[in-house]
């Protein structure tokens, strides 16, 4: 069985550790607004130490940034002074059609900012948040979003999306191209992806529905569910259930593997493919007719339907394998 290929951006991890301290002392709040004129496709780059972020595509051709800031803690500068400096000079830069928000994160110590940003729909987004949720929707992309602690939700993205979080859930729907998602701890849910799906998780369930292309999903501890698969599928779990429902295409290859857990395979009654199943410690059950080619105590080679379709290989070290119709 292959190992999970989970990669966390080193800068994000170090920043998360550095910002893990607790702020003490009095606190104050304030807000700021900025409107920027742009033309043509733009790129939005955002960094935020603490606070939720909402980025939404709109049709008026401008960038609207609203920030609600909260300053606290003790030090040489009072929270009021730090807050007043931020409100008067928000961390917003514009270089042509590139807009940068919160780039100087060292100046935001003990300051939390919640952003609500409207951008033209033809916008590429690169967003990093240490602590807080991110919502990105109705933009062309590509979208790259990273979080140390917080959930990520993206929807209605025309191009590809790349999402990573150390602690928090990931949810994505209506992505026009490929999606890649990495989660250390949290559920990953993606649906209606036009391109390929690649997901790597350490702890938490993974749910994939209506993938338009290939699926490559792995988890160390958690279940894997794939619904509506029609192309290649790789679904690997170390400890957890694997459930794949779909119809293997003529040239598809499905590789379903778990060390400890059951594997369920749901196909149409008229599906046609070659099946190779092995359960080192458990039963292999088929609820639909198959033409057995070779059968052992814990293994089965068979044709499903005419056997003229793709190839499906299923393996579990400890658990049951079940083939059913849907």
Protein backbone atom coordinates (compact mmCIF):
# COMPACT_ATOMS: atom_id res chain seq x y z
CA UNK A 1 0.00 0.00 0.00
CA UNK A 2 1.28 3.44 -0.86
CA UNK A 3 1.93 6.03 1.79
CA UNK A 4 -0.09 9.21 2.06
CA UNK A 5 1.67 12.14 0.41
CA UNK A 6 0.77 15.01 2.72
CA UNK A 7 2.73 18.24 2.43
CA UNK A 8 2.27 21.29 4.65
CA UNK A 9 3.86 24.57 3.57
CA UNK A 10 6.81 25.08 5.93
CA UNK A 11 6.21 28.83 6.23
CA UNK A 12 2.62 28.26 7.25
CA UNK A 13 3.60 25.76 9.94
CA UNK A 14 6.31 28.02 11.38
CA UNK A 15 4.00 31.01 11.38
CA UNK A 16 1.34 29.00 13.16
CA UNK A 17 3.77 27.99 15.88
CA UNK A 18 5.08 31.52 16.23
CA UNK A 19 1.58 32.94 16.55
CA UNK A 20 0.33 30.39 19.05
CA UNK A 21 0.78 32.69 22.05
CA UNK A 22 -2.07 34.27 23.99
CA UNK A 23 -2.74 38.00 24.00
CA UNK A 24 -3.44 39.62 27.36
CA UNK A 25 -4.51 43.09 28.38
CA UNK A 26 -7.16 45.58 27.24
CA UNK A 27 -8.68 45.50 23.76
CA UNK A 28 -10.20 47.99 21.31
CA UNK A 29 -12.04 47.68 18.00
CA UNK A 30 -12.34 49.69 14.81
CA UNK A 31 -12.94 49.30 11.07
CA UNK A 32 -11.73 50.56 7.69
CA UNK A 33 -12.92 50.57 4.07
CA UNK A 34 -11.03 50.90 0.81
CA UNK A 35 -12.18 50.83 -2.84
CA UNK A 36 -9.61 50.22 -5.58
CA UNK A 37 -10.09 50.70 -9.31
CA UNK A 38 -8.70 47.94 -11.53
CA UNK A 39 -8.95 46.90 -15.17
CA UNK A 40 -8.77 43.44 -16.66
CA UNK A 41 -7.93 40.24 -14.74
CA UNK A 42 -6.46 40.82 -11.26
CA UNK A 43 -4.57 38.86 -8.63
CA UNK A 44 -5.48 39.14 -4.94
CA UNK A 45 -2.82 38.12 -2.39
CA UNK A 46 -3.97 38.01 1.23
CA UNK A 47 -2.21 37.16 4.51
CA UNK A 48 -4.03 37.30 7.83
CA UNK A 49 -2.78 36.27 11.25
CA UNK A 50 -6.18 36.08 12.92
CA UNK A 51 -9.69 36.64 11.68
CA UNK A 52 -12.20 35.32 9.17
CA UNK A 53 -11.91 36.15 5.47
CA UNK A 54 -14.67 36.35 2.86
CA UNK A 55 -13.78 36.91 -0.82
CA UNK A 56 -16.65 37.15 -3.27
CA UNK A 57 -16.70 37.90 -6.97
CA UNK A 58 -18.93 40.75 -8.11
CA UNK A 59 -19.75 42.49 -11.36
CA UNK A 60 -18.86 46.15 -10.76
CA UNK A 61 -15.17 45.86 -11.77
CA UNK A 62 -13.72 47.24 -8.52
CA UNK A 63 -12.12 45.87 -5.37
CA UNK A 64 -13.98 46.69 -2.17
CA UNK A 65 -12.21 45.87 1.10
CA UNK A 66 -13.89 46.15 4.48
CA UNK A 67 -11.94 45.25 7.62
CA UNK A 68 -13.12 44.93 11.21
CA UNK A 69 -10.02 45.13 13.43
CA UNK A 70 -9.59 44.14 17.06
CA UNK A 71 -6.36 45.04 18.92
CA UNK A 72 -5.33 43.67 22.32
CA UNK A 73 -2.29 42.71 24.38
CA UNK A 74 0.37 44.50 26.33
CA UNK A 75 3.64 46.03 25.17
CA UNK A 76 5.41 49.30 24.42
CA UNK A 77 2.55 50.43 22.17
CA UNK A 78 -0.99 50.60 23.50
CA UNK A 79 -3.75 48.70 21.65
CA UNK A 80 -5.34 52.07 20.82
CA UNK A 81 -2.19 53.27 19.09
CA UNK A 82 -1.77 50.09 17.06
CA UNK A 83 -5.42 50.09 16.09
CA UNK A 84 -5.42 53.76 15.07
CA UNK A 85 -2.33 53.22 12.91
CA UNK A 86 -3.99 50.29 11.15
CA UNK A 87 -7.29 52.09 10.55
CA UNK A 88 -5.46 55.12 9.19
CA UNK A 89 -3.09 53.01 7.05
CA UNK A 90 -4.64 49.60 6.40
CA UNK A 91 -2.25 46.85 5.16
CA UNK A 92 -3.42 47.21 1.56
CA UNK A 93 -1.15 47.64 -1.46
CA UNK A 94 -1.93 47.94 -5.15
CA UNK A 95 0.64 47.35 -7.87
CA UNK A 96 -1.15 47.53 -11.19
CA UNK A 97 -3.67 44.71 -11.18
CA UNK A 98 -2.10 42.96 -8.18
CA UNK A 99 -3.70 43.76 -4.83
CA UNK A 100 -1.96 42.70 -1.62
CA UNK A 101 -3.77 42.67 1.73
CA UNK A 102 -2.07 42.07 5.09
CA UNK A 103 1.34 41.25 3.62
CA UNK A 104 3.29 42.80 6.54
CA UNK A 105 2.08 40.28 9.11
CA UNK A 106 4.71 41.25 11.68
CA UNK A 107 2.96 44.60 12.05
CA UNK A 108 -0.27 42.83 13.03
CA UNK A 109 0.86 41.36 16.33
CA UNK A 110 -2.09 40.95 18.70
CA UNK A 111 -4.38 42.38 16.04
CA UNK A 112 -7.26 40.38 14.62
CA UNK A 113 -8.86 41.52 11.35
CA UNK A 114 -12.03 40.15 9.77
CA UNK A 115 -12.08 40.90 6.04
CA UNK A 116 -15.00 41.16 3.67
CA UNK A 117 -13.67 41.62 0.14
CA UNK A 118 -15.49 41.99 -3.16
CA UNK A 119 -13.47 41.57 -6.34
CA UNK A 120 -14.18 41.35 -10.07
CA UNK A 121 -15.09 37.83 -11.08
CA UNK A 122 -11.97 37.57 -13.23
CA UNK A 123 -9.69 37.32 -10.19
CA UNK A 124 -6.92 34.93 -9.15
CA UNK A 125 -6.68 34.42 -5.36
CA UNK A 126 -3.78 33.41 -3.09
CA UNK A 127 -4.89 33.49 0.56
CA UNK A 128 -3.13 32.45 3.79
CA UNK A 129 -4.85 32.66 7.19
CA UNK A 130 -3.26 31.42 10.41
CA UNK A 131 -6.44 31.40 12.50
CA UNK A 132 -9.86 31.92 10.97
CA UNK A 133 -12.24 30.63 8.34
CA UNK A 134 -11.92 31.41 4.64
CA UNK A 135 -14.79 31.64 2.17
CA UNK A 136 -13.97 32.22 -1.51
CA UNK A 137 -16.65 32.12 -4.19
CA UNK A 138 -17.67 33.28 -7.65
CA UNK A 139 -14.19 34.04 -9.00
CA UNK A 140 -12.37 32.64 -12.02
CA UNK A 141 -9.27 31.60 -10.10
CA UNK A 142 -7.00 29.76 -9.89
CA UNK A 143 -7.49 29.76 -6.10
CA UNK A 144 -4.81 28.82 -3.58
CA UNK A 145 -5.91 28.92 0.07
CA UNK A 146 -3.93 27.85 3.14
CA UNK A 147 -4.88 27.78 6.83
CA UNK A 148 -3.14 26.80 10.04
CA UNK A 149 -6.30 26.67 12.13
CA UNK A 150 -9.61 27.24 10.42
CA UNK A 151 -11.94 25.92 7.76
CA UNK A 152 -11.78 26.65 4.03
CA UNK A 153 -14.84 26.84 1.79
CA UNK A 154 -14.60 27.56 -1.93
CA UNK A 155 -17.36 27.43 -4.53
CA UNK A 156 -18.09 28.40 -8.12
CA UNK A 157 -14.44 28.67 -9.19
CA UNK A 158 -13.89 28.59 -12.95
CA UNK A 159 -10.33 27.24 -12.86
CA UNK A 160 -8.33 25.03 -10.47
CA UNK A 161 -8.21 25.17 -6.67
CA UNK A 162 -5.41 24.19 -4.26
CA UNK A 163 -6.44 24.05 -0.59
CA UNK A 164 -4.42 23.16 2.55
CA UNK A 165 -5.20 23.26 6.27
CA UNK A 166 -3.46 21.97 9.39
CA UNK A 167 -6.59 21.94 11.56
CA UNK A 168 -9.97 22.58 10.03
CA UNK A 169 -12.40 21.31 7.43
CA UNK A 170 -12.22 21.82 3.67
CA UNK A 171 -15.31 22.12 1.50
CA UNK A 172 -15.35 22.79 -2.23
CA UNK A 173 -18.08 22.64 -4.84
CA UNK A 174 -18.52 23.64 -8.45
CA UNK A 175 -14.85 23.78 -9.46
CA UNK A 176 -14.24 24.20 -13.19
CA UNK A 177 -10.88 22.41 -13.36
CA UNK A 178 -8.72 20.23 -11.07
CA UNK A 179 -8.75 20.40 -7.29
CA UNK A 180 -6.02 19.46 -4.83
CA UNK A 181 -6.71 19.43 -1.09
CA UNK A 182 -4.52 18.58 1.93
CA UNK A 183 -5.84 18.32 5.48
CA UNK A 184 -3.94 17.35 8.62
CA UNK A 185 -7.04 17.20 10.84
CA UNK A 186 -10.52 17.80 9.53
CA UNK A 187 -13.10 16.57 7.05
CA UNK A 188 -12.68 17.15 3.31
CA UNK A 189 -15.84 17.40 1.19
CA UNK A 190 -15.76 18.16 -2.54
CA UNK A 191 -18.53 17.96 -5.13
CA UNK A 192 -19.15 18.72 -8.79
CA UNK A 193 -15.50 18.95 -9.81
CA UNK A 194 -15.03 19.18 -13.57
CA UNK A 195 -11.39 18.03 -13.54
CA UNK A 196 -9.23 15.64 -11.52
CA UNK A 197 -9.52 15.32 -7.73
CA UNK A 198 -6.46 14.77 -5.56
CA UNK A 199 -6.93 14.67 -1.78
CA UNK A 200 -4.53 13.76 1.03
CA UNK A 201 -5.73 13.65 4.65
CA UNK A 202 -4.23 12.48 7.91
CA UNK A 203 -7.23 12.43 10.23
CA UNK A 204 -10.81 13.00 9.14
CA UNK A 205 -13.36 11.71 6.67
CA UNK A 206 -13.14 12.45 2.94
CA UNK A 207 -16.25 12.71 0.76
CA UNK A 208 -16.10 13.14 -3.01
CA UNK A 209 -19.17 13.39 -5.21
CA UNK A 210 -19.56 13.95 -8.96
CA UNK A 211 -15.90 14.03 -9.95
CA UNK A 212 -15.47 14.87 -13.61
CA UNK A 213 -11.99 13.34 -13.95
CA UNK A 214 -9.64 11.03 -12.10
CA UNK A 215 -9.73 10.59 -8.32
CA UNK A 216 -6.64 10.10 -6.16
CA UNK A 217 -7.55 10.14 -2.44
CA UNK A 218 -5.67 8.89 0.61
CA UNK A 219 -6.12 9.08 4.37
CA UNK A 220 -4.29 7.72 7.39
CA UNK A 221 -7.20 7.64 9.82
CA UNK A 222 -10.65 8.25 8.40
CA UNK A 223 -13.17 7.02 5.87
CA UNK A 224 -13.15 7.60 2.10
CA UNK A 225 -16.41 7.98 0.16
CA UNK A 226 -16.52 8.51 -3.61
CA UNK A 227 -19.86 8.94 -5.36
CA UNK A 228 -20.40 9.13 -9.11
CA UNK A 229 -16.95 8.01 -10.29
CA UNK A 230 -16.58 7.40 -14.04
CA UNK A 231 -12.80 7.64 -14.59
CA UNK A 232 -9.71 6.28 -12.77
CA UNK A 233 -9.98 5.98 -8.97
CA UNK A 234 -7.28 5.48 -6.36
CA UNK A 235 -8.69 5.35 -2.83
CA UNK A 236 -6.27 4.30 -0.09
CA UNK A 237 -6.87 4.27 3.68
CA UNK A 238 -4.65 3.01 6.48
CA UNK A 239 -7.43 2.77 9.06
CA UNK A 240 -10.92 3.40 7.80
CA UNK A 241 -13.71 2.36 5.47
CA UNK A 242 -13.48 2.82 1.69
CA UNK A 243 -16.73 3.21 -0.26
CA UNK A 244 -16.75 3.87 -4.01
CA UNK A 245 -19.90 4.16 -6.09
CA UNK A 246 -19.85 4.68 -9.84
CA UNK A 247 -19.38 2.98 -13.19
CA UNK A 248 -15.87 2.09 -14.39
CA UNK A 249 -15.28 3.27 -17.93
CA UNK A 250 -13.89 1.10 -20.69
CA UNK A 251 -10.29 2.03 -19.90
CA UNK A 252 -10.69 2.91 -16.20
CA UNK A 253 -8.54 1.50 -13.44
CA UNK A 254 -9.89 1.48 -9.87
CA UNK A 255 -7.42 0.77 -7.06
CA UNK A 256 -9.23 0.50 -3.70
CA UNK A 257 -7.11 -0.33 -0.69
CA UNK A 258 -7.39 -0.23 3.10
CA UNK A 259 -5.27 -1.82 5.80
CA UNK A 260 -7.96 -1.94 8.47
CA UNK A 261 -11.56 -1.46 7.35
CA UNK A 262 -14.21 -2.64 4.93
CA UNK A 263 -14.36 -1.83 1.22
CA UNK A 264 -17.74 -1.35 -0.46
CA UNK A 265 -18.07 -1.10 -4.23
CA UNK A 266 -21.37 0.04 -5.76
CA UNK A 267 -21.92 -0.27 -9.52
CA UNK A 268 -24.93 -0.24 -11.89
CA UNK A 269 -26.64 -3.55 -12.57
CA UNK A 270 -25.40 -3.39 -16.18
CA UNK A 271 -21.76 -2.56 -15.31
CA UNK A 272 -19.00 -4.37 -17.18
CA UNK A 273 -15.46 -4.74 -15.81
CA UNK A 274 -12.80 -7.16 -14.54
CA UNK A 275 -12.66 -7.62 -10.75
CA UNK A 276 -9.71 -8.73 -8.63
CA UNK A 277 -10.45 -8.74 -4.89
CA UNK A 278 -8.39 -9.85 -1.91
CA UNK A 279 -9.35 -9.80 1.79
CA UNK A 280 -6.57 -11.20 3.94
CA UNK A 281 -8.87 -11.49 6.95
CA UNK A 282 -12.52 -11.20 5.98
CA UNK A 283 -15.20 -12.22 3.51
CA UNK A 284 -15.74 -11.20 -0.11
CA UNK A 285 -19.45 -10.81 -0.86
CA UNK A 286 -21.10 -10.02 -4.19
CA UNK A 287 -24.76 -9.01 -4.36
CA UNK A 288 -24.76 -9.00 -8.17
CA UNK A 289 -24.01 -11.88 -10.58
CA UNK A 290 -20.36 -12.40 -11.51
CA UNK A 291 -18.55 -14.92 -13.70
CA UNK A 292 -15.88 -16.44 -11.46
CA UNK A 293 -12.49 -16.99 -13.10
CA UNK A 294 -10.50 -17.91 -10.00
CA UNK A 295 -11.54 -18.09 -6.35
CA UNK A 296 -9.70 -18.77 -3.09
CA UNK A 297 -10.62 -18.53 0.55
CA UNK A 298 -9.86 -14.80 0.67
CA UNK A 299 -9.54 -13.89 -3.01
CA UNK A 300 -11.68 -13.60 -6.10
CA UNK A 301 -11.05 -12.97 -9.79
CA UNK A 302 -14.20 -12.51 -11.84
CA UNK A 303 -15.93 -10.81 -14.75
CA UNK A 304 -18.79 -8.48 -13.99
CA UNK A 305 -21.23 -8.25 -16.88
CA UNK A 306 -19.46 -8.86 -20.17
CA UNK A 307 -16.12 -8.05 -18.54
CA UNK A 308 -15.33 -5.71 -21.41
CA UNK A 309 -14.95 -2.59 -19.33
CA UNK A 310 -12.26 -1.34 -17.00
CA UNK A 311 -10.25 -3.05 -14.28
CA UNK A 312 -11.10 -2.91 -10.57
CA UNK A 313 -8.67 -4.12 -7.89
CA UNK A 314 -9.75 -4.22 -4.25
CA UNK A 315 -7.65 -5.12 -1.24
CA UNK A 316 -8.12 -5.07 2.52
CA UNK A 317 -5.85 -6.57 5.15
CA UNK A 318 -8.48 -6.65 7.86
CA UNK A 319 -12.09 -6.24 6.82
CA UNK A 320 -14.81 -7.27 4.40
CA UNK A 321 -15.17 -6.60 0.68
CA UNK A 322 -18.68 -6.16 -0.71
CA UNK A 323 -19.86 -5.66 -4.29
CA UNK A 324 -23.40 -4.32 -4.63
CA UNK A 325 -25.72 -2.81 -7.24
CA UNK A 326 -27.13 0.71 -7.07
